PDB file of N, CA and C in Angstrom:
ATOM      1  N   MET A   1      23.257  20.941 -28.484  1.00  0.00           N
ATOM      2  CA  MET A   1      23.638  20.159 -27.319  1.00  0.00           C
ATOM      3  C   MET A   1      22.849  18.853 -27.338  1.00  0.00           C
ATOM      4  N   ASN A   2      23.555  17.739 -27.275  1.00  0.00           N
ATOM      5  CA  ASN A   2      22.855  16.460 -27.315  1.00  0.00           C
ATOM      6  C   ASN A   2      22.427  16.023 -25.917  1.00  0.00           C
ATOM      7  N   THR A   3      21.619  14.980 -25.875  1.00  0.00           N
ATOM      8  CA  THR A   3      21.047  14.562 -24.598  1.00  0.00           C
ATOM      9  C   THR A   3      22.092  13.991 -23.645  1.00  0.00           C
ATOM     10  N   GLN A   4      23.152  13.408 -24.177  1.00  0.00           N
ATOM     11  CA  GLN A   4      24.200  12.859 -23.303  1.00  0.00           C
ATOM     12  C   GLN A   4      24.907  13.976 -22.541  1.00  0.00           C
ATOM     13  N   ASN A   5      25.214  15.087 -23.225  1.00  0.00           N
ATOM     14  CA  ASN A   5      25.841  16.222 -22.541  1.00  0.00           C
ATOM     15  C   ASN A   5      24.894  16.834 -21.517  1.00  0.00           C
ATOM     16  N   LEU A   6      23.621  16.935 -21.872  1.00  0.00           N
ATOM     17  CA  LEU A   6      22.632  17.495 -20.947  1.00  0.00           C
ATOM     18  C   LEU A   6      22.513  16.625 -19.698  1.00  0.00           C
ATOM     19  N   THR A   7      22.476  15.300 -19.883  1.00  0.00           N
ATOM     20  CA  THR A   7      22.388  14.383 -18.744  1.00  0.00           C
ATOM     21  C   THR A   7      23.629  14.482 -17.868  1.00  0.00           C
ATOM     22  N   ASN A   8      24.796  14.566 -18.485  1.00  0.00           N
ATOM     23  CA  ASN A   8      26.029  14.693 -17.709  1.00  0.00           C
ATOM     24  C   ASN A   8      26.060  16.004 -16.937  1.00  0.00           C
ATOM     25  N   ASP A   9      25.613  17.084 -17.549  1.00  0.00           N
ATOM     26  CA  ASP A   9      25.566  18.371 -16.861  1.00  0.00           C
ATOM     27  C   ASP A   9      24.583  18.338 -15.695  1.00  0.00           C
ATOM     28  N   MET A  10      23.464  17.655 -15.874  1.00  0.00           N
ATOM     29  CA  MET A  10      22.475  17.565 -14.801  1.00  0.00           C
ATOM     30  C   MET A  10      23.009  16.720 -13.651  1.00  0.00           C
ATOM     31  N   GLU A  11      23.737  15.655 -13.950  1.00  0.00           N
ATOM     32  CA  GLU A  11      24.340  14.849 -12.884  1.00  0.00           C
ATOM     33  C   GLU A  11      25.383  15.668 -12.132  1.00  0.00           C
ATOM     34  N   PHE A  12      26.147  16.482 -12.845  1.00  0.00           N
ATOM     35  CA  PHE A  12      27.169  17.310 -12.209  1.00  0.00           C
ATOM     36  C   PHE A  12      26.544  18.363 -11.296  1.00  0.00           C
ATOM     37  N   ASN A  13      25.430  18.928 -11.722  1.00  0.00           N
ATOM     38  CA  ASN A  13      24.732  19.967 -10.964  1.00  0.00           C
ATOM     39  C   ASN A  13      23.528  19.422 -10.204  1.00  0.00           C
ATOM     40  N   ARG A  14      23.625  18.198  -9.743  1.00  0.00           N
ATOM     41  CA  ARG A  14      22.517  17.480  -9.106  1.00  0.00           C
ATOM     42  C   ARG A  14      21.882  18.263  -7.961  1.00  0.00           C
ATOM     43  N   PHE A  15      22.673  18.845  -7.075  1.00  0.00           N
ATOM     44  CA  PHE A  15      22.116  19.483  -5.887  1.00  0.00           C
ATOM     45  C   PHE A  15      21.359  20.761  -6.232  1.00  0.00           C
ATOM     46  N   GLY A  16      21.781  21.469  -7.238  1.00  0.00           N
ATOM     47  CA  GLY A  16      21.024  22.630  -7.694  1.00  0.00           C
ATOM     48  C   GLY A  16      19.700  22.217  -8.303  1.00  0.00           C
ATOM     49  N   TRP A  17      19.720  21.172  -9.106  1.00  0.00           N
ATOM     50  CA  TRP A  17      18.484  20.680  -9.709  1.00  0.00           C
ATOM     51  C   TRP A  17      17.529  20.140  -8.653  1.00  0.00           C
ATOM     52  N   ILE A  18      18.067  19.488  -7.624  1.00  0.00           N
ATOM     53  CA  ILE A  18      17.212  18.963  -6.554  1.00  0.00           C
ATOM     54  C   ILE A  18      16.455  20.101  -5.876  1.00  0.00           C
ATOM     55  N   ALA A  19      17.143  21.197  -5.602  1.00  0.00           N
ATOM     56  CA  ALA A  19      16.479  22.337  -4.960  1.00  0.00           C
ATOM     57  C   ALA A  19      15.364  22.896  -5.836  1.00  0.00           C
ATOM     58  N   ILE A  20      15.623  23.023  -7.126  1.00  0.00           N
ATOM     59  CA  ILE A  20      14.621  23.551  -8.058  1.00  0.00           C
ATOM     60  C   ILE A  20      13.426  22.600  -8.155  1.00  0.00           C
ATOM     61  N   ILE A  21      13.700  21.310  -8.281  1.00  0.00           N
ATOM     62  CA  ILE A  21      12.633  20.317  -8.431  1.00  0.00           C
ATOM     63  C   ILE A  21      11.775  20.254  -7.172  1.00  0.00           C
ATOM     64  N   LEU A  22      12.413  20.270  -6.005  1.00  0.00           N
ATOM     65  CA  LEU A  22      11.647  20.258  -4.761  1.00  0.00           C
ATOM     66  C   LEU A  22      10.708  21.452  -4.668  1.00  0.00           C
ATOM     67  N   LEU A  23      11.217  22.605  -5.030  1.00  0.00           N
ATOM     68  CA  LEU A  23      10.403  23.818  -4.964  1.00  0.00           C
ATOM     69  C   LEU A  23       9.231  23.756  -5.942  1.00  0.00           C
ATOM     70  N   VAL A  24       9.509  23.445  -7.186  1.00  0.00           N
ATOM     71  CA  VAL A  24       8.469  23.473  -8.223  1.00  0.00           C
ATOM     72  C   VAL A  24       7.439  22.363  -8.020  1.00  0.00           C
ATOM     73  N   VAL A  25       7.903  21.130  -7.864  1.00  0.00           N
ATOM     74  CA  VAL A  25       6.974  19.998  -7.746  1.00  0.00           C
ATOM     75  C   VAL A  25       6.197  20.076  -6.441  1.00  0.00           C
ATOM     76  N   GLY A  26       6.863  20.411  -5.347  1.00  0.00           N
ATOM     77  CA  GLY A  26       6.173  20.499  -4.063  1.00  0.00           C
ATOM     78  C   GLY A  26       5.122  21.590  -4.030  1.00  0.00           C
ATOM     79  N   CYS A  27       5.495  22.782  -4.472  1.00  0.00           N
ATOM     80  CA  CYS A  27       4.545  23.904  -4.444  1.00  0.00           C
ATOM     81  C   CYS A  27       3.413  23.725  -5.449  1.00  0.00           C
ATOM     82  N   LEU A  28       3.735  23.256  -6.640  1.00  0.00           N
ATOM     83  CA  LEU A  28       2.701  23.077  -7.661  1.00  0.00           C
ATOM     84  C   LEU A  28       1.723  21.972  -7.264  1.00  0.00           C
ATOM     85  N   GLY A  29       2.221  20.897  -6.660  1.00  0.00           N
ATOM     86  CA  GLY A  29       1.341  19.834  -6.190  1.00  0.00           C
ATOM     87  C   GLY A  29       0.429  20.319  -5.076  1.00  0.00           C
ATOM     88  N   GLY A  30       0.982  21.065  -4.141  1.00  0.00           N
ATOM     89  CA  GLY A  30       0.175  21.612  -3.054  1.00  0.00           C
ATOM     90  C   GLY A  30      -0.861  22.597  -3.541  1.00  0.00           C
ATOM     91  N   LEU A  31      -0.484  23.420  -4.501  1.00  0.00           N
ATOM     92  CA  LEU A  31      -1.412  24.392  -5.074  1.00  0.00           C
ATOM     93  C   LEU A  31      -2.562  23.689  -5.801  1.00  0.00           C
ATOM     94  N   THR A  32      -2.234  22.638  -6.527  1.00  0.00           N
ATOM     95  CA  THR A  32      -3.266  21.890  -7.254  1.00  0.00           C
ATOM     96  C   THR A  32      -4.238  21.224  -6.282  1.00  0.00           C
ATOM     97  N   VAL A  33      -3.719  20.656  -5.224  1.00  0.00           N
ATOM     98  CA  VAL A  33      -4.593  20.041  -4.218  1.00  0.00           C
ATOM     99  C   VAL A  33      -5.459  21.114  -3.566  1.00  0.00           C
ATOM    100  N   GLY A  34      -4.884  22.236  -3.250  1.00  0.00           N
ATOM    101  CA  GLY A  34      -5.632  23.304  -2.609  1.00  0.00           C
ATOM    102  C   GLY A  34      -6.697  23.935  -3.494  1.00  0.00           C
ATOM    103  N   MET A  35      -6.475  23.930  -4.802  1.00  0.00           N
ATOM    104  CA  MET A  35      -7.433  24.549  -5.713  1.00  0.00           C
ATOM    105  C   MET A  35      -8.640  23.674  -6.007  1.00  0.00           C
ATOM    106  N   GLY A  36      -8.597  22.389  -5.609  1.00  0.00           N
ATOM    107  CA  GLY A  36      -9.790  21.590  -5.843  1.00  0.00           C
ATOM    108  C   GLY A  36      -9.586  20.093  -5.886  1.00  0.00           C
ATOM    109  N   ALA A  37      -8.351  19.639  -5.988  1.00  0.00           N
ATOM    110  CA  ALA A  37      -8.132  18.193  -6.075  1.00  0.00           C
ATOM    111  C   ALA A  37      -8.446  17.488  -4.768  1.00  0.00           C
ATOM    112  N   ILE A  38      -8.531  18.234  -3.674  1.00  0.00           N
ATOM    113  CA  ILE A  38      -8.846  17.641  -2.371  1.00  0.00           C
ATOM    114  C   ILE A  38     -10.278  17.124  -2.335  1.00  0.00           C
ATOM    115  N   GLU A  39     -11.150  17.663  -3.183  1.00  0.00           N
ATOM    116  CA  GLU A  39     -12.561  17.284  -3.182  1.00  0.00           C
ATOM    117  C   GLU A  39     -12.845  16.033  -3.997  1.00  0.00           C
ATOM    118  N   ASN A  40     -11.924  15.616  -4.855  1.00  0.00           N
ATOM    119  CA  ASN A  40     -12.127  14.472  -5.728  1.00  0.00           C
ATOM    120  C   ASN A  40     -10.996  13.468  -5.484  1.00  0.00           C
ATOM    121  N   THR A  41     -11.360  12.251  -5.085  1.00  0.00           N
ATOM    122  CA  THR A  41     -10.361  11.245  -4.739  1.00  0.00           C
ATOM    123  C   THR A  41      -9.485  10.872  -5.931  1.00  0.00           C
ATOM    124  N   ILE A  42     -10.076  10.758  -7.109  1.00  0.00           N
ATOM    125  CA  ILE A  42      -9.300  10.385  -8.297  1.00  0.00           C
ATOM    126  C   ILE A  42      -8.300  11.477  -8.649  1.00  0.00           C
ATOM    127  N   ALA A  43      -8.717  12.720  -8.581  1.00  0.00           N
ATOM    128  CA  ALA A  43      -7.802  13.829  -8.859  1.00  0.00           C
ATOM    129  C   ALA A  43      -6.705  13.908  -7.802  1.00  0.00           C
ATOM    130  N   LEU A  44      -7.055  13.648  -6.567  1.00  0.00           N
ATOM    131  CA  LEU A  44      -6.066  13.672  -5.491  1.00  0.00           C
ATOM    132  C   LEU A  44      -5.005  12.596  -5.705  1.00  0.00           C
ATOM    133  N   VAL A  45      -5.440  11.408  -6.071  1.00  0.00           N
ATOM    134  CA  VAL A  45      -4.503  10.317  -6.356  1.00  0.00           C
ATOM    135  C   VAL A  45      -3.646  10.653  -7.573  1.00  0.00           C
ATOM    136  N   ALA A  46      -4.262  11.274  -8.584  1.00  0.00           N
ATOM    137  CA  ALA A  46      -3.524  11.646  -9.795  1.00  0.00           C
ATOM    138  C   ALA A  46      -2.443  12.691  -9.506  1.00  0.00           C
ATOM    139  N   VAL A  47      -2.631  13.496  -8.495  1.00  0.00           N
ATOM    140  CA  VAL A  47      -1.628  14.495  -8.120  1.00  0.00           C
ATOM    141  C   VAL A  47      -0.582  13.900  -7.185  1.00  0.00           C
ATOM    142  N   VAL A  48      -1.033  13.126  -6.215  1.00  0.00           N
ATOM    143  CA  VAL A  48      -0.129  12.634  -5.166  1.00  0.00           C
ATOM    144  C   VAL A  48       0.858  11.594  -5.686  1.00  0.00           C
ATOM    145  N   ILE A  49       0.413  10.663  -6.509  1.00  0.00           N
ATOM    146  CA  ILE A  49       1.304   9.579  -6.949  1.00  0.00           C
ATOM    147  C   ILE A  49       2.510  10.106  -7.742  1.00  0.00           C
ATOM    148  N   PRO A  50       2.344  10.913  -8.801  1.00  0.00           N
ATOM    149  CA  PRO A  50       3.541  11.396  -9.500  1.00  0.00           C
ATOM    150  C   PRO A  50       4.425  12.299  -8.628  1.00  0.00           C
ATOM    151  N   THR A  51       3.802  13.080  -7.751  1.00  0.00           N
ATOM    152  CA  THR A  51       4.583  13.945  -6.871  1.00  0.00           C
ATOM    153  C   THR A  51       5.424  13.118  -5.907  1.00  0.00           C
ATOM    154  N   MET A  52       4.841  12.110  -5.304  1.00  0.00           N
ATOM    155  CA  MET A  52       5.578  11.277  -4.352  1.00  0.00           C
ATOM    156  C   MET A  52       6.637  10.420  -5.046  1.00  0.00           C
ATOM    157  N   ILE A  53       6.355   9.978  -6.271  1.00  0.00           N
ATOM    158  CA  ILE A  53       7.365   9.230  -7.015  1.00  0.00           C
ATOM    159  C   ILE A  53       8.573  10.118  -7.283  1.00  0.00           C
ATOM    160  N   THR A  54       8.333  11.351  -7.687  1.00  0.00           N
ATOM    161  CA  THR A  54       9.431  12.279  -7.940  1.00  0.00           C
ATOM    162  C   THR A  54      10.240  12.527  -6.676  1.00  0.00           C
ATOM    163  N   LEU A  55       9.560  12.791  -5.578  1.00  0.00           N
ATOM    164  CA  LEU A  55      10.266  13.050  -4.327  1.00  0.00           C
ATOM    165  C   LEU A  55      10.995  11.804  -3.831  1.00  0.00           C
ATOM    166  N   SER A  56      10.437  10.629  -4.038  1.00  0.00           N
ATOM    167  CA  SER A  56      11.111   9.387  -3.648  1.00  0.00           C
ATOM    168  C   SER A  56      12.358   9.138  -4.485  1.00  0.00           C
ATOM    169  N   LEU A  57      12.280   9.430  -5.774  1.00  0.00           N
ATOM    170  CA  LEU A  57      13.463   9.281  -6.627  1.00  0.00           C
ATOM    171  C   LEU A  57      14.570  10.250  -6.217  1.00  0.00           C
ATOM    172  N   LEU A  58      14.194  11.450  -5.806  1.00  0.00           N
ATOM    173  CA  LEU A  58      15.192  12.397  -5.313  1.00  0.00           C
ATOM    174  C   LEU A  58      15.842  11.882  -4.037  1.00  0.00           C
ATOM    175  N   LEU A  59      15.044  11.349  -3.137  1.00  0.00           N
ATOM    176  CA  LEU A  59      15.556  10.844  -1.874  1.00  0.00           C
ATOM    177  C   LEU A  59      16.443   9.616  -2.079  1.00  0.00           C
ATOM    178  N   ALA A  60      16.119   8.809  -3.077  1.00  0.00           N
ATOM    179  CA  ALA A  60      16.878   7.593  -3.351  1.00  0.00           C
ATOM    180  C   ALA A  60      18.136   7.850  -4.176  1.00  0.00           C
ATOM    181  N   VAL A  61      18.386   9.091  -4.554  1.00  0.00           N
ATOM    182  CA  VAL A  61      19.539   9.491  -5.373  1.00  0.00           C
ATOM    183  C   VAL A  61      19.557   8.674  -6.663  1.00  0.00           C
ATOM    184  N   SER A  62      18.416   8.632  -7.319  1.00  0.00           N
ATOM    185  CA  SER A  62      18.283   7.941  -8.594  1.00  0.00           C
ATOM    186  C   SER A  62      18.946   8.757  -9.704  1.00  0.00           C
ATOM    187  N   PRO A  63      19.178   8.129 -10.854  1.00  0.00           N
ATOM    188  CA  PRO A  63      19.754   8.884 -11.978  1.00  0.00           C
ATOM    189  C   PRO A  63      18.862  10.061 -12.372  1.00  0.00           C
ATOM    190  N   MET A  64      19.485  11.158 -12.754  1.00  0.00           N
ATOM    191  CA  MET A  64      18.735  12.374 -13.081  1.00  0.00           C
ATOM    192  C   MET A  64      17.810  12.179 -14.275  1.00  0.00           C
ATOM    193  N   LYS A  65      18.117  11.241 -15.127  1.00  0.00           N
ATOM    194  CA  LYS A  65      17.235  10.952 -16.254  1.00  0.00           C
ATOM    195  C   LYS A  65      15.872  10.477 -15.745  1.00  0.00           C
ATOM    196  N   TRP A  66      15.861   9.627 -14.735  1.00  0.00           N
ATOM    197  CA  TRP A  66      14.617   9.143 -14.135  1.00  0.00           C
ATOM    198  C   TRP A  66      13.911  10.264 -13.402  1.00  0.00           C
ATOM    199  N   VAL A  67      14.691  11.049 -12.673  1.00  0.00           N
ATOM    200  CA  VAL A  67      14.110  12.142 -11.890  1.00  0.00           C
ATOM    201  C   VAL A  67      13.441  13.159 -12.807  1.00  0.00           C
ATOM    202  N   MET A  68      14.094  13.522 -13.894  1.00  0.00           N
ATOM    203  CA  MET A  68      13.527  14.515 -14.799  1.00  0.00           C
ATOM    204  C   MET A  68      12.297  13.978 -15.526  1.00  0.00           C
ATOM    205  N   THR A  69      12.273  12.690 -15.835  1.00  0.00           N
ATOM    206  CA  THR A  69      11.083  12.101 -16.455  1.00  0.00           C
ATOM    207  C   THR A  69       9.897  12.161 -15.491  1.00  0.00           C
ATOM    208  N   SER A  70      10.115  11.771 -14.253  1.00  0.00           N
ATOM    209  CA  SER A  70       9.015  11.816 -13.280  1.00  0.00           C
ATOM    210  C   SER A  70       8.623  13.252 -12.952  1.00  0.00           C
ATOM    211  N   THR A  71       9.587  14.168 -12.976  1.00  0.00           N
ATOM    212  CA  THR A  71       9.282  15.580 -12.753  1.00  0.00           C
ATOM    213  C   THR A  71       8.391  16.123 -13.866  1.00  0.00           C
ATOM    214  N   ALA A  72       8.711  15.779 -15.096  1.00  0.00           N
ATOM    215  CA  ALA A  72       7.904  16.242 -16.229  1.00  0.00           C
ATOM    216  C   ALA A  72       6.480  15.702 -16.147  1.00  0.00           C
ATOM    217  N   ILE A  73       6.338  14.450 -15.743  1.00  0.00           N
ATOM    218  CA  ILE A  73       5.006  13.864 -15.604  1.00  0.00           C
ATOM    219  C   ILE A  73       4.226  14.547 -14.485  1.00  0.00           C
ATOM    220  N   ALA A  74       4.874  14.754 -13.341  1.00  0.00           N
ATOM    221  CA  ALA A  74       4.204  15.385 -12.201  1.00  0.00           C
ATOM    222  C   ALA A  74       3.774  16.812 -12.531  1.00  0.00           C
ATOM    223  N   ILE A  75       4.649  17.570 -13.175  1.00  0.00           N
ATOM    224  CA  ILE A  75       4.310  18.951 -13.530  1.00  0.00           C
ATOM    225  C   ILE A  75       3.187  18.975 -14.562  1.00  0.00           C
ATOM    226  N   SER A  76       3.220  18.065 -15.517  1.00  0.00           N
ATOM    227  CA  SER A  76       2.175  18.016 -16.535  1.00  0.00           C
ATOM    228  C   SER A  76       0.804  17.729 -15.924  1.00  0.00           C
ATOM    229  N   VAL A  77       0.738  16.735 -15.048  1.00  0.00           N
ATOM    230  CA  VAL A  77      -0.527  16.397 -14.392  1.00  0.00           C
ATOM    231  C   VAL A  77      -1.017  17.581 -13.557  1.00  0.00           C
ATOM    232  N   ASP A  78      -0.091  18.202 -12.819  1.00  0.00           N
ATOM    233  CA  ASP A  78      -0.471  19.341 -11.981  1.00  0.00           C
ATOM    234  C   ASP A  78      -1.005  20.505 -12.809  1.00  0.00           C
ATOM    235  N   VAL A  79      -0.341  20.817 -13.899  1.00  0.00           N
ATOM    236  CA  VAL A  79      -0.769  21.949 -14.733  1.00  0.00           C
ATOM    237  C   VAL A  79      -2.113  21.668 -15.389  1.00  0.00           C
ATOM    238  N   ILE A  80      -2.329  20.437 -15.849  1.00  0.00           N
ATOM    239  CA  ILE A  80      -3.608  20.081 -16.466  1.00  0.00           C
ATOM    240  C   ILE A  80      -4.744  20.211 -15.451  1.00  0.00           C
ATOM    241  N   LEU A  81      -4.556  19.642 -14.271  1.00  0.00           N
ATOM    242  CA  LEU A  81      -5.612  19.715 -13.260  1.00  0.00           C
ATOM    243  C   LEU A  81      -5.791  21.131 -12.726  1.00  0.00           C
ATOM    244  N   LEU A  82      -4.707  21.865 -12.563  1.00  0.00           N
ATOM    245  CA  LEU A  82      -4.813  23.243 -12.088  1.00  0.00           C
ATOM    246  C   LEU A  82      -5.575  24.096 -13.097  1.00  0.00           C
ATOM    247  N   THR A  83      -5.298  23.897 -14.373  1.00  0.00           N
ATOM    248  CA  THR A  83      -6.037  24.612 -15.419  1.00  0.00           C
ATOM    249  C   THR A  83      -7.523  24.269 -15.375  1.00  0.00           C
ATOM    250  N   TYR A  84      -7.807  22.977 -15.185  1.00  0.00           N
ATOM    251  CA  TYR A  84      -9.208  22.550 -15.088  1.00  0.00           C
ATOM    252  C   TYR A  84      -9.912  23.223 -13.909  1.00  0.00           C
ATOM    253  N   TYR A  85      -9.265  23.263 -12.769  1.00  0.00           N
ATOM    254  CA  TYR A  85      -9.897  23.839 -11.580  1.00  0.00           C
ATOM    255  C   TYR A  85     -10.000  25.359 -11.656  1.00  0.00           C
ATOM    256  N   ILE A  86      -9.109  26.002 -12.355  1.00  0.00           N
ATOM    257  CA  ILE A  86      -9.210  27.449 -12.521  1.00  0.00           C
ATOM    258  C   ILE A  86     -10.345  27.797 -13.469  1.00  0.00           C
ATOM    259  N   ILE A  87     -10.492  27.026 -14.558  1.00  0.00           N
ATOM    260  CA  ILE A  87     -11.531  27.317 -15.545  1.00  0.00           C
ATOM    261  C   ILE A  87     -12.920  27.000 -14.995  1.00  0.00           C
ATOM    262  N   SER A  88     -13.061  25.886 -14.278  1.00  0.00           N
ATOM    263  CA  SER A  88     -14.400  25.496 -13.806  1.00  0.00           C
ATOM    264  C   SER A  88     -14.765  26.115 -12.473  1.00  0.00           C
TER     265      SER A  88
END
């Protein structure tokens, strides 16, 4: 399956993807803040900015290609920081 078909399928199923993205990005961002990012301003900013960009793109009905890119960045930052806070 090439990326053009995947993008078209994601645009067709936009509302299902929005529900999944809201759940994953919102909960993972909140969990990361709760596990320790609230104590460090730089970590808090690193979590909040990608999360809010993703949610803003969803609200603005941006192309799914943009939404998925920002979602991947937000999830990556959250997982890295969450791993750091769990280990330390």
